Amino acid sequence: MTLVEGAAACMHNITDLHAVVDLIRDFCYENELLEPNDEVVVCISFGKDSIAMYYLLHELRKEMGISLIPLLVTYPRHRFSNEFLNYLRKVIPDLNVVVPEQDDYVLAKSEKPCEVCKLVRRETIKEFVIERGFRKVATAHTLWDLIAYLIELLFLTNFHLERALNIERGVEVLSRFLPKYRARDGVTVIHPLLVLGEDVTEYIATKVMRFSVTPRCTFSALRPKRKLAEVIKVLARGTTYRDLMSLISKCIDMQQLRSYVTSKDFHTYLL
């Protein structure tokens, strides 16, 4: 099955897990995301996307000869009670849990709590990866995330796509959505879910993993892209990652984009 055929199968029936696993396998092979003996730090927030990513990589781990190091950063702290953490360890028994030094008061006093939270989690993941010598990290960016950022860029440039993709913000955004990149510090970041929409990840998280919803963050309503969620659910149907990247490649120098990525440290693009 080709990537195009796999994507079509998933859009036609999101409950066909064999089609979803095949699609992720093909995407990983085509973009050389995984190699035998890889130790992959899987960044888990216990949102639907990261749960689905863990499930799919877990399904492929023996076939691809990899081992998974699931990592949870418990921030903001109010989302992760002791009772909830005990439940999470039953869902993923080998879960690595890291508690940052910062408490939630740092967020409460900030005008941009989501930005502060992102920086705290990035630095915490970086320390975990570097201190333990891991060289590969997986994050759960999806096709719908890419669409959300493209909409943001279009608004910034009065719907001029080529200009949107070549401004500094556009280059920075697109660099987050390459299938993989090796940062200047030698760590490789992979995005195995770029061919999936969040309808698929939600099905896997709730119906397959039977995962209870993570307590909502107090500050989540402040995230601008929450307001785009319903729009994206409509726009994203029928759109594939390959279609979008084909369009993008006509508007930007992809080699320049890859060079931009390799000039950064890996944690810059984790979240």
C-alpha atoms as a PDB file:
ATOM      1  CA  MET A   1       0.000   0.000   0.000  1.00  0.00           C
ATOM      2  CA  THR A   2       1.356   3.423  -0.940  1.00  0.00           C
ATOM      3  CA  LEU A   3       1.243   6.395   1.418  1.00  0.00           C
ATOM      4  CA  VAL A   4      -1.487   7.943  -0.713  1.00  0.00           C
ATOM      5  CA  GLU A   5      -3.559   4.757  -0.631  1.00  0.00           C
ATOM      6  CA  GLY A   6      -2.957   4.401   3.115  1.00  0.00           C
ATOM      7  CA  ALA A   7      -4.028   7.964   3.828  1.00  0.00           C
ATOM      8  CA  ALA A   8      -7.161   7.461   1.750  1.00  0.00           C
ATOM      9  CA  ALA A   9      -7.988   4.266   3.635  1.00  0.00           C
ATOM     10  CA  CYS A  10      -7.628   6.015   6.992  1.00  0.00           C
ATOM     11  CA  MET A  11      -9.820   8.923   5.925  1.00  0.00           C
ATOM     12  CA  HIS A  12     -12.446   6.507   4.646  1.00  0.00           C
ATOM     13  CA  ASN A  13     -12.538   4.447   7.838  1.00  0.00           C
ATOM     14  CA  ILE A  14     -10.689   5.744  10.889  1.00  0.00           C
ATOM     15  CA  THR A  15     -11.542   2.538  12.791  1.00  0.00           C
ATOM     16  CA  ASP A  16      -9.414   0.379  10.451  1.00  0.00           C
ATOM     17  CA  LEU A  17      -6.404   0.000  12.732  1.00  0.00           C
ATOM     18  CA  HIS A  18      -4.536  -2.184  10.257  1.00  0.00           C
ATOM     19  CA  ALA A  19      -4.690   0.628   7.699  1.00  0.00           C
ATOM     20  CA  VAL A  20      -3.506   3.156  10.289  1.00  0.00           C
ATOM     21  CA  VAL A  21      -0.560   0.993  11.404  1.00  0.00           C
ATOM     22  CA  ASP A  22       0.353   0.313   7.761  1.00  0.00           C
ATOM     23  CA  LEU A  23       0.253   4.034   7.014  1.00  0.00           C
ATOM     24  CA  ILE A  24       2.562   4.899   9.916  1.00  0.00           C
ATOM     25  CA  ARG A  25       4.915   2.039   9.038  1.00  0.00           C
ATOM     26  CA  ASP A  26       5.160   3.219   5.422  1.00  0.00           C
ATOM     27  CA  PHE A  27       5.682   6.834   6.499  1.00  0.00           C
ATOM     28  CA  CYS A  28       8.468   5.771   8.865  1.00  0.00           C
ATOM     29  CA  TYR A  29      10.217   3.688   6.197  1.00  0.00           C
ATOM     30  CA  GLU A  30       9.830   6.273   3.428  1.00  0.00           C
ATOM     31  CA  ASN A  31      11.319   9.024   5.588  1.00  0.00           C
ATOM     32  CA  GLU A  32      13.816   6.811   7.463  1.00  0.00           C
ATOM     33  CA  LEU A  33      12.434   7.860  10.824  1.00  0.00           C
ATOM     34  CA  LEU A  34      13.443   4.705  12.672  1.00  0.00           C
ATOM     35  CA  GLU A  35      16.420   2.362  12.530  1.00  0.00           C
ATOM     36  CA  PRO A  36      17.086  -0.966  14.265  1.00  0.00           C
ATOM     37  CA  ASN A  37      18.349  -0.536  17.842  1.00  0.00           C
ATOM     38  CA  ASP A  38      17.001   2.997  18.122  1.00  0.00           C
ATOM     39  CA  GLU A  39      16.097   4.097  21.649  1.00  0.00           C
ATOM     40  CA  VAL A  40      13.261   6.553  21.119  1.00  0.00           C
ATOM     41  CA  VAL A  41      12.163   9.001  23.785  1.00  0.00           C
ATOM     42  CA  VAL A  42       8.407   9.283  23.237  1.00  0.00           C
ATOM     43  CA  CYS A  43       7.118  12.618  24.540  1.00  0.00           C
ATOM     44  CA  ILE A  44       3.756  11.994  26.173  1.00  0.00           C
ATOM     45  CA  SER A  45       1.381  14.633  27.501  1.00  0.00           C
ATOM     46  CA  PHE A  46      -1.505  12.145  27.750  1.00  0.00           C
ATOM     47  CA  GLY A  47      -3.445  14.100  25.208  1.00  0.00           C
ATOM     48  CA  LYS A  48      -5.022  12.025  22.443  1.00  0.00           C
ATOM     49  CA  ASP A  49      -2.204  12.585  19.948  1.00  0.00           C
ATOM     50  CA  SER A  50       0.648  11.464  22.180  1.00  0.00           C
ATOM     51  CA  ILE A  51      -1.345   8.457  23.412  1.00  0.00           C
ATOM     52  CA  ALA A  52      -2.003   7.422  19.804  1.00  0.00           C
ATOM     53  CA  MET A  53       1.671   7.906  18.922  1.00  0.00           C
ATOM     54  CA  TYR A  54       2.756   5.672  21.781  1.00  0.00           C
ATOM     55  CA  TYR A  55       0.243   3.003  20.773  1.00  0.00           C
ATOM     56  CA  LEU A  56       1.342   3.007  17.110  1.00  0.00           C
ATOM     57  CA  LEU A  57       5.076   2.963  17.858  1.00  0.00           C
ATOM     58  CA  HIS A  58       4.466   0.231  20.431  1.00  0.00           C
ATOM     59  CA  GLU A  59       2.721  -1.810  17.725  1.00  0.00           C
ATOM     60  CA  LEU A  60       5.742  -1.392  15.419  1.00  0.00           C
ATOM     61  CA  ARG A  61       8.545  -1.682  17.949  1.00  0.00           C
ATOM     62  CA  LYS A  62       9.356  -5.398  17.511  1.00  0.00           C
ATOM     63  CA  GLU A  63       9.074  -5.327  13.735  1.00  0.00           C
ATOM     64  CA  MET A  64      11.330  -2.263  13.482  1.00  0.00           C
ATOM     65  CA  GLY A  65      13.735  -3.371  16.217  1.00  0.00           C
ATOM     66  CA  ILE A  66      13.368  -0.287  18.398  1.00  0.00           C
ATOM     67  CA  SER A  67      12.841   0.367  22.088  1.00  0.00           C
ATOM     68  CA  LEU A  68      10.609   3.087  23.523  1.00  0.00           C
ATOM     69  CA  ILE A  69      11.311   5.394  26.452  1.00  0.00           C
ATOM     70  CA  PRO A  70       7.953   7.043  27.251  1.00  0.00           C
ATOM     71  CA  LEU A  71       8.432  10.385  29.004  1.00  0.00           C
ATOM     72  CA  LEU A  72       5.893  12.508  30.871  1.00  0.00           C
ATOM     73  CA  VAL A  73       6.668  15.991  32.203  1.00  0.00           C
ATOM     74  CA  THR A  74       4.067  16.708  34.891  1.00  0.00           C
ATOM     75  CA  TYR A  75       3.476  20.348  34.129  1.00  0.00           C
ATOM     76  CA  PRO A  76       1.273  22.201  34.857  1.00  0.00           C
ATOM     77  CA  ARG A  77       1.180  20.331  38.139  1.00  0.00           C
ATOM     78  CA  HIS A  78      -2.544  20.778  38.783  1.00  0.00           C
ATOM     79  CA  ARG A  79      -3.293  18.351  35.931  1.00  0.00           C
ATOM     80  CA  PHE A  80      -1.472  15.463  37.584  1.00  0.00           C
ATOM     81  CA  SER A  81      -2.783  14.359  40.956  1.00  0.00           C
ATOM     82  CA  ASN A  82      -1.173  11.339  42.638  1.00  0.00           C
ATOM     83  CA  GLU A  83      -4.299   9.311  41.877  1.00  0.00           C
ATOM     84  CA  PHE A  84      -4.125  10.243  38.213  1.00  0.00           C
ATOM     85  CA  LEU A  85      -0.392   9.463  38.016  1.00  0.00           C
ATOM     86  CA  ASN A  86      -1.050   5.994  39.463  1.00  0.00           C
ATOM     87  CA  TYR A  87      -3.626   5.469  36.729  1.00  0.00           C
ATOM     88  CA  LEU A  88      -1.157   6.638  34.058  1.00  0.00           C
ATOM     89  CA  ARG A  89       1.461   4.154  35.261  1.00  0.00           C
ATOM     90  CA  LYS A  90      -1.067   1.375  34.759  1.00  0.00           C
ATOM     91  CA  VAL A  91      -1.675   2.544  31.188  1.00  0.00           C
ATOM     92  CA  ILE A  92       2.077   2.698  30.455  1.00  0.00           C
ATOM     93  CA  PRO A  93       3.964   0.669  33.106  1.00  0.00           C
ATOM     94  CA  ASP A  94       7.458   1.800  32.014  1.00  0.00           C
ATOM     95  CA  LEU A  95       6.524   5.494  32.040  1.00  0.00           C
ATOM     96  CA  ASN A  96       9.274   7.923  33.037  1.00  0.00           C
ATOM     97  CA  VAL A  97       7.811  10.788  35.078  1.00  0.00           C
ATOM     98  CA  VAL A  98       9.746  14.031  35.550  1.00  0.00           C
ATOM     99  CA  VAL A  99       8.497  16.848  37.800  1.00  0.00           C
ATOM    100  CA  PRO A 100       9.939  20.303  36.952  1.00  0.00           C
ATOM    101  CA  GLU A 101      11.105  22.582  39.759  1.00  0.00           C
ATOM    102  CA  GLN A 102       8.663  25.350  38.768  1.00  0.00           C
ATOM    103  CA  ASP A 103       5.230  25.368  40.371  1.00  0.00           C
ATOM    104  CA  ASP A 104       1.997  26.589  38.796  1.00  0.00           C
ATOM    105  CA  TYR A 105       2.308  30.014  40.372  1.00  0.00           C
ATOM    106  CA  VAL A 106       4.785  30.874  37.618  1.00  0.00           C
ATOM    107  CA  LEU A 107       1.975  30.367  35.121  1.00  0.00           C
ATOM    108  CA  ALA A 108      -0.674  32.199  37.130  1.00  0.00           C
ATOM    109  CA  LYS A 109       1.354  35.402  37.263  1.00  0.00           C
ATOM    110  CA  SER A 110       2.322  35.337  33.568  1.00  0.00           C
ATOM    111  CA  GLU A 111       0.442  37.126  30.782  1.00  0.00           C
ATOM    112  CA  LYS A 112       1.384  34.244  28.473  1.00  0.00           C
ATOM    113  CA  PRO A 113       1.122  31.099  30.614  1.00  0.00           C
ATOM    114  CA  CYS A 114       1.093  28.731  27.635  1.00  0.00           C
ATOM    115  CA  GLU A 115       4.422  30.088  26.405  1.00  0.00           C
ATOM    116  CA  VAL A 116       5.942  29.738  29.864  1.00  0.00           C
ATOM    117  CA  CYS A 117       4.616  26.189  30.172  1.00  0.00           C
ATOM    118  CA  LYS A 118       6.050  25.261  26.789  1.00  0.00           C
ATOM    119  CA  LEU A 119       9.490  26.585  27.737  1.00  0.00           C
ATOM    120  CA  VAL A 120       9.477  24.708  31.052  1.00  0.00           C
ATOM    121  CA  ARG A 121       8.516  21.432  29.389  1.00  0.00           C
ATOM    122  CA  ARG A 122      11.060  21.898  26.590  1.00  0.00           C
ATOM    123  CA  GLU A 123      13.926  22.470  29.018  1.00  0.00           C
ATOM    124  CA  THR A 124      12.858  19.518  31.165  1.00  0.00           C
ATOM    125  CA  ILE A 125      12.751  17.181  28.155  1.00  0.00           C
ATOM    126  CA  LYS A 126      16.122  18.492  26.989  1.00  0.00           C
ATOM    127  CA  GLU A 127      17.724  17.748  30.351  1.00  0.00           C
ATOM    128  CA  PHE A 128      16.258  14.221  30.416  1.00  0.00           C
ATOM    129  CA  VAL A 129      17.460  13.434  26.880  1.00  0.00           C
ATOM    130  CA  ILE A 130      20.945  14.954  27.149  1.00  0.00           C
ATOM    131  CA  GLU A 131      21.761  13.660  30.648  1.00  0.00           C
ATOM    132  CA  ARG A 132      20.874  10.089  29.667  1.00  0.00           C
ATOM    133  CA  GLY A 133      22.544  10.207  26.268  1.00  0.00           C
ATOM    134  CA  PHE A 134      19.499   9.499  24.102  1.00  0.00           C
ATOM    135  CA  ARG A 135      19.745  10.522  20.449  1.00  0.00           C
ATOM    136  CA  LYS A 136      16.188  10.291  19.121  1.00  0.00           C
ATOM    137  CA  VAL A 137      12.951  11.943  20.274  1.00  0.00           C
ATOM    138  CA  ALA A 138       9.408  11.463  18.928  1.00  0.00           C
ATOM    139  CA  THR A 139       6.721  14.139  19.211  1.00  0.00           C
ATOM    140  CA  ALA A 140       3.047  13.898  18.279  1.00  0.00           C
ATOM    141  CA  HIS A 141       2.613  16.690  15.735  1.00  0.00           C
ATOM    142  CA  THR A 142      -0.304  15.828  13.430  1.00  0.00           C
ATOM    143  CA  LEU A 143      -1.615  16.863  10.040  1.00  0.00           C
ATOM    144  CA  TRP A 144      -4.225  19.041  11.755  1.00  0.00           C
ATOM    145  CA  ASP A 145      -1.485  20.901  13.636  1.00  0.00           C
ATOM    146  CA  LEU A 146       0.138  21.747  10.304  1.00  0.00           C
ATOM    147  CA  ILE A 147      -3.169  23.009   8.918  1.00  0.00           C
ATOM    148  CA  ALA A 148      -3.702  25.198  12.008  1.00  0.00           C
ATOM    149  CA  TYR A 149      -0.304  26.832  11.590  1.00  0.00           C
ATOM    150  CA  LEU A 150      -0.849  27.390   7.870  1.00  0.00           C
ATOM    151  CA  ILE A 151      -4.117  29.180   8.649  1.00  0.00           C
ATOM    152  CA  GLU A 152      -2.295  31.366  11.173  1.00  0.00           C
ATOM    153  CA  LEU A 153       0.367  32.256   8.582  1.00  0.00           C
ATOM    154  CA  LEU A 154      -2.243  33.093   5.966  1.00  0.00           C
ATOM    155  CA  PHE A 155      -3.926  35.517   8.332  1.00  0.00           C
ATOM    156  CA  LEU A 156      -0.566  37.149   9.091  1.00  0.00           C
ATOM    157  CA  THR A 157       0.106  37.797   5.384  1.00  0.00           C
ATOM    158  CA  ASN A 158      -3.363  38.629   4.088  1.00  0.00           C
ATOM    159  CA  PHE A 159      -3.702  35.128   2.586  1.00  0.00           C
ATOM    160  CA  HIS A 160      -0.554  35.355   0.443  1.00  0.00           C
ATOM    161  CA  LEU A 161       0.757  31.776   0.659  1.00  0.00           C
ATOM    162  CA  GLU A 162       4.222  32.279  -0.835  1.00  0.00           C
ATOM    163  CA  ARG A 163       4.874  35.272   1.401  1.00  0.00           C
ATOM    164  CA  ALA A 164       3.484  33.402   4.412  1.00  0.00           C
ATOM    165  CA  LEU A 165       5.921  30.542   3.940  1.00  0.00           C
ATOM    166  CA  ASN A 166       8.986  32.738   3.444  1.00  0.00           C
ATOM    167  CA  ILE A 167       8.681  35.151   6.357  1.00  0.00           C
ATOM    168  CA  GLU A 168      10.743  34.251   9.432  1.00  0.00           C
ATOM    169  CA  ARG A 169       7.692  32.955  11.282  1.00  0.00           C
ATOM    170  CA  GLY A 170       6.752  30.780   8.294  1.00  0.00           C
ATOM    171  CA  VAL A 171      10.191  29.177   8.062  1.00  0.00           C
ATOM    172  CA  GLU A 172      10.240  28.588  11.819  1.00  0.00           C
ATOM    173  CA  VAL A 173       6.788  26.988  11.722  1.00  0.00           C
ATOM    174  CA  LEU A 174       7.437  24.745   8.732  1.00  0.00           C
ATOM    175  CA  SER A 175      10.667  23.479  10.238  1.00  0.00           C
ATOM    176  CA  ARG A 176       8.514  21.868  12.939  1.00  0.00           C
ATOM    177  CA  PHE A 177       6.687  19.772  10.357  1.00  0.00           C
ATOM    178  CA  LEU A 178       9.470  18.012   8.508  1.00  0.00           C
ATOM    179  CA  PRO A 179       9.193  14.251   9.096  1.00  0.00           C
ATOM    180  CA  LYS A 180      12.551  14.303  10.851  1.00  0.00           C
ATOM    181  CA  TYR A 181      15.541  16.520  11.433  1.00  0.00           C
ATOM    182  CA  ARG A 182      18.919  16.179  13.075  1.00  0.00           C
ATOM    183  CA  ALA A 183      19.618  19.234  15.201  1.00  0.00           C
ATOM    184  CA  ARG A 184      23.052  20.765  15.674  1.00  0.00           C
ATOM    185  CA  ASP A 185      23.427  19.044  19.045  1.00  0.00           C
ATOM    186  CA  GLY A 186      23.151  15.653  17.327  1.00  0.00           C
ATOM    187  CA  VAL A 187      19.665  14.720  18.536  1.00  0.00           C
ATOM    188  CA  THR A 188      17.168  13.620  15.875  1.00  0.00           C
ATOM    189  CA  VAL A 189      13.513  14.592  16.297  1.00  0.00           C
ATOM    190  CA  ILE A 190      10.870  12.573  14.433  1.00  0.00           C
ATOM    191  CA  HIS A 191       7.189  13.278  13.746  1.00  0.00           C
ATOM    192  CA  PRO A 192       5.523   9.942  12.917  1.00  0.00           C
ATOM    193  CA  LEU A 193       1.928  11.263  13.056  1.00  0.00           C
ATOM    194  CA  LEU A 194       2.121  13.895  10.304  1.00  0.00           C
ATOM    195  CA  VAL A 195      -0.054  11.769   8.031  1.00  0.00           C
ATOM    196  CA  LEU A 196      -2.880  11.457  10.576  1.00  0.00           C
ATOM    197  CA  GLY A 197      -5.741  13.750  11.522  1.00  0.00           C
ATOM    198  CA  GLU A 198      -6.920  14.116  15.092  1.00  0.00           C
ATOM    199  CA  ASP A 199     -10.092  12.166  14.374  1.00  0.00           C
ATOM    200  CA  VAL A 200      -7.858   9.095  14.024  1.00  0.00           C
ATOM    201  CA  THR A 201      -5.759   9.846  17.104  1.00  0.00           C
ATOM    202  CA  GLU A 202      -8.874  10.464  19.176  1.00  0.00           C
ATOM    203  CA  TYR A 203     -10.323   7.105  18.128  1.00  0.00           C
ATOM    204  CA  ILE A 204      -7.112   5.280  19.071  1.00  0.00           C
ATOM    205  CA  ALA A 205      -6.769   7.046  22.422  1.00  0.00           C
ATOM    206  CA  THR A 206     -10.371   6.672  23.570  1.00  0.00           C
ATOM    207  CA  LYS A 207     -11.636   3.504  21.864  1.00  0.00           C
ATOM    208  CA  VAL A 208      -8.494   1.390  21.470  1.00  0.00           C
ATOM    209  CA  MET A 209      -6.405   2.424  24.481  1.00  0.00           C
ATOM    210  CA  ARG A 210      -9.632   3.177  26.420  1.00  0.00           C
ATOM    211  CA  PHE A 211      -7.858   6.117  27.948  1.00  0.00           C
ATOM    212  CA  SER A 212      -9.686   8.505  30.258  1.00  0.00           C
ATOM    213  CA  VAL A 213      -9.407  12.159  29.334  1.00  0.00           C
ATOM    214  CA  THR A 214      -6.531  13.990  31.021  1.00  0.00           C
ATOM    215  CA  PRO A 215      -7.787  16.740  33.368  1.00  0.00           C
ATOM    216  CA  ARG A 216      -7.963  19.978  31.400  1.00  0.00           C
ATOM    217  CA  CYS A 217      -5.375  22.638  32.074  1.00  0.00           C
ATOM    218  CA  THR A 218      -6.747  25.754  33.765  1.00  0.00           C
ATOM    219  CA  PHE A 219      -5.060  27.892  31.123  1.00  0.00           C
ATOM    220  CA  SER A 220      -6.023  25.892  28.020  1.00  0.00           C
ATOM    221  CA  ALA A 221      -8.816  28.276  27.008  1.00  0.00           C
ATOM    222  CA  LEU A 222      -6.153  30.939  26.449  1.00  0.00           C
ATOM    223  CA  ARG A 223      -4.581  29.018  23.581  1.00  0.00           C
ATOM    224  CA  PRO A 224      -5.521  30.795  20.305  1.00  0.00           C
ATOM    225  CA  LYS A 225      -5.588  27.616  18.245  1.00  0.00           C
ATOM    226  CA  ARG A 226      -8.388  26.212  20.375  1.00  0.00           C
ATOM    227  CA  LYS A 227     -10.643  28.617  18.495  1.00  0.00           C
ATOM    228  CA  LEU A 228      -9.588  27.066  15.192  1.00  0.00           C
ATOM    229  CA  ALA A 229     -10.338  23.506  16.263  1.00  0.00           C
ATOM    230  CA  GLU A 230     -13.851  23.252  14.879  1.00  0.00           C
ATOM    231  CA  VAL A 231     -12.875  24.926  11.605  1.00  0.00           C
ATOM    232  CA  ILE A 232      -9.962  22.546  11.146  1.00  0.00           C
ATOM    233  CA  LYS A 233     -12.176  19.515  11.675  1.00  0.00           C
ATOM    234  CA  VAL A 234     -14.051  20.557   8.535  1.00  0.00           C
ATOM    235  CA  LEU A 235     -11.099  21.778   6.440  1.00  0.00           C
ATOM    236  CA  ALA A 236      -8.830  18.848   7.192  1.00  0.00           C
ATOM    237  CA  ARG A 237     -11.040  16.084   5.870  1.00  0.00           C
ATOM    238  CA  GLY A 238      -9.764  14.872   2.525  1.00  0.00           C
ATOM    239  CA  THR A 239      -6.411  16.654   2.924  1.00  0.00           C
ATOM    240  CA  THR A 240      -3.177  14.660   3.096  1.00  0.00           C
ATOM    241  CA  TYR A 241       0.283  15.557   4.375  1.00  0.00           C
ATOM    242  CA  ARG A 242       1.748  14.860   0.948  1.00  0.00           C
ATOM    243  CA  ASP A 243      -0.734  17.238  -0.717  1.00  0.00           C
ATOM    244  CA  LEU A 244       0.152  20.036   1.672  1.00  0.00           C
ATOM    245  CA  MET A 245       3.909  19.536   1.414  1.00  0.00           C
ATOM    246  CA  SER A 246       3.679  19.440  -2.390  1.00  0.00           C
ATOM    247  CA  LEU A 247       1.966  22.822  -2.303  1.00  0.00           C
ATOM    248  CA  ILE A 248       4.435  24.200   0.228  1.00  0.00           C
ATOM    249  CA  SER A 249       7.474  23.051  -1.757  1.00  0.00           C
ATOM    250  CA  LYS A 250       6.375  25.237  -4.663  1.00  0.00           C
ATOM    251  CA  CYS A 251       6.561  28.313  -2.446  1.00  0.00           C
ATOM    252  CA  ILE A 252       9.733  27.786  -0.430  1.00  0.00           C
ATOM    253  CA  ASP A 253      13.254  26.415  -0.875  1.00  0.00           C
ATOM    254  CA  MET A 254      13.033  23.101   0.992  1.00  0.00           C
ATOM    255  CA  GLN A 255      16.822  22.728   1.143  1.00  0.00           C
ATOM    256  CA  GLN A 256      17.036  26.109   2.831  1.00  0.00           C
ATOM    257  CA  LEU A 257      14.349  24.979   5.261  1.00  0.00           C
ATOM    258  CA  ARG A 258      16.326  21.851   6.151  1.00  0.00           C
ATOM    259  CA  SER A 259      19.471  23.934   6.648  1.00  0.00           C
ATOM    260  CA  TYR A 260      17.532  26.193   9.005  1.00  0.00           C
ATOM    261  CA  VAL A 261      16.568  23.185  11.115  1.00  0.00           C
ATOM    262  CA  THR A 262      20.118  21.868  11.461  1.00  0.00           C
ATOM    263  CA  SER A 263      21.247  25.224  12.852  1.00  0.00           C
ATOM    264  CA  LYS A 264      19.080  24.797  15.966  1.00  0.00           C
ATOM    265  CA  ASP A 265      19.176  22.649  19.103  1.00  0.00           C
ATOM    266  CA  PHE A 266      16.639  19.843  19.122  1.00  0.00           C
ATOM    267  CA  HIS A 267      14.538  21.066  22.060  1.00  0.00           C
ATOM    268  CA  THR A 268      13.668  24.269  20.175  1.00  0.00           C
ATOM    269  CA  TYR A 269      11.075  22.328  18.184  1.00  0.00           C
ATOM    270  CA  LEU A 270       9.769  19.798  20.659  1.00  0.00           C
ATOM    271  CA  LEU A 271       6.438  21.473  21.484  1.00  0.00           C
END
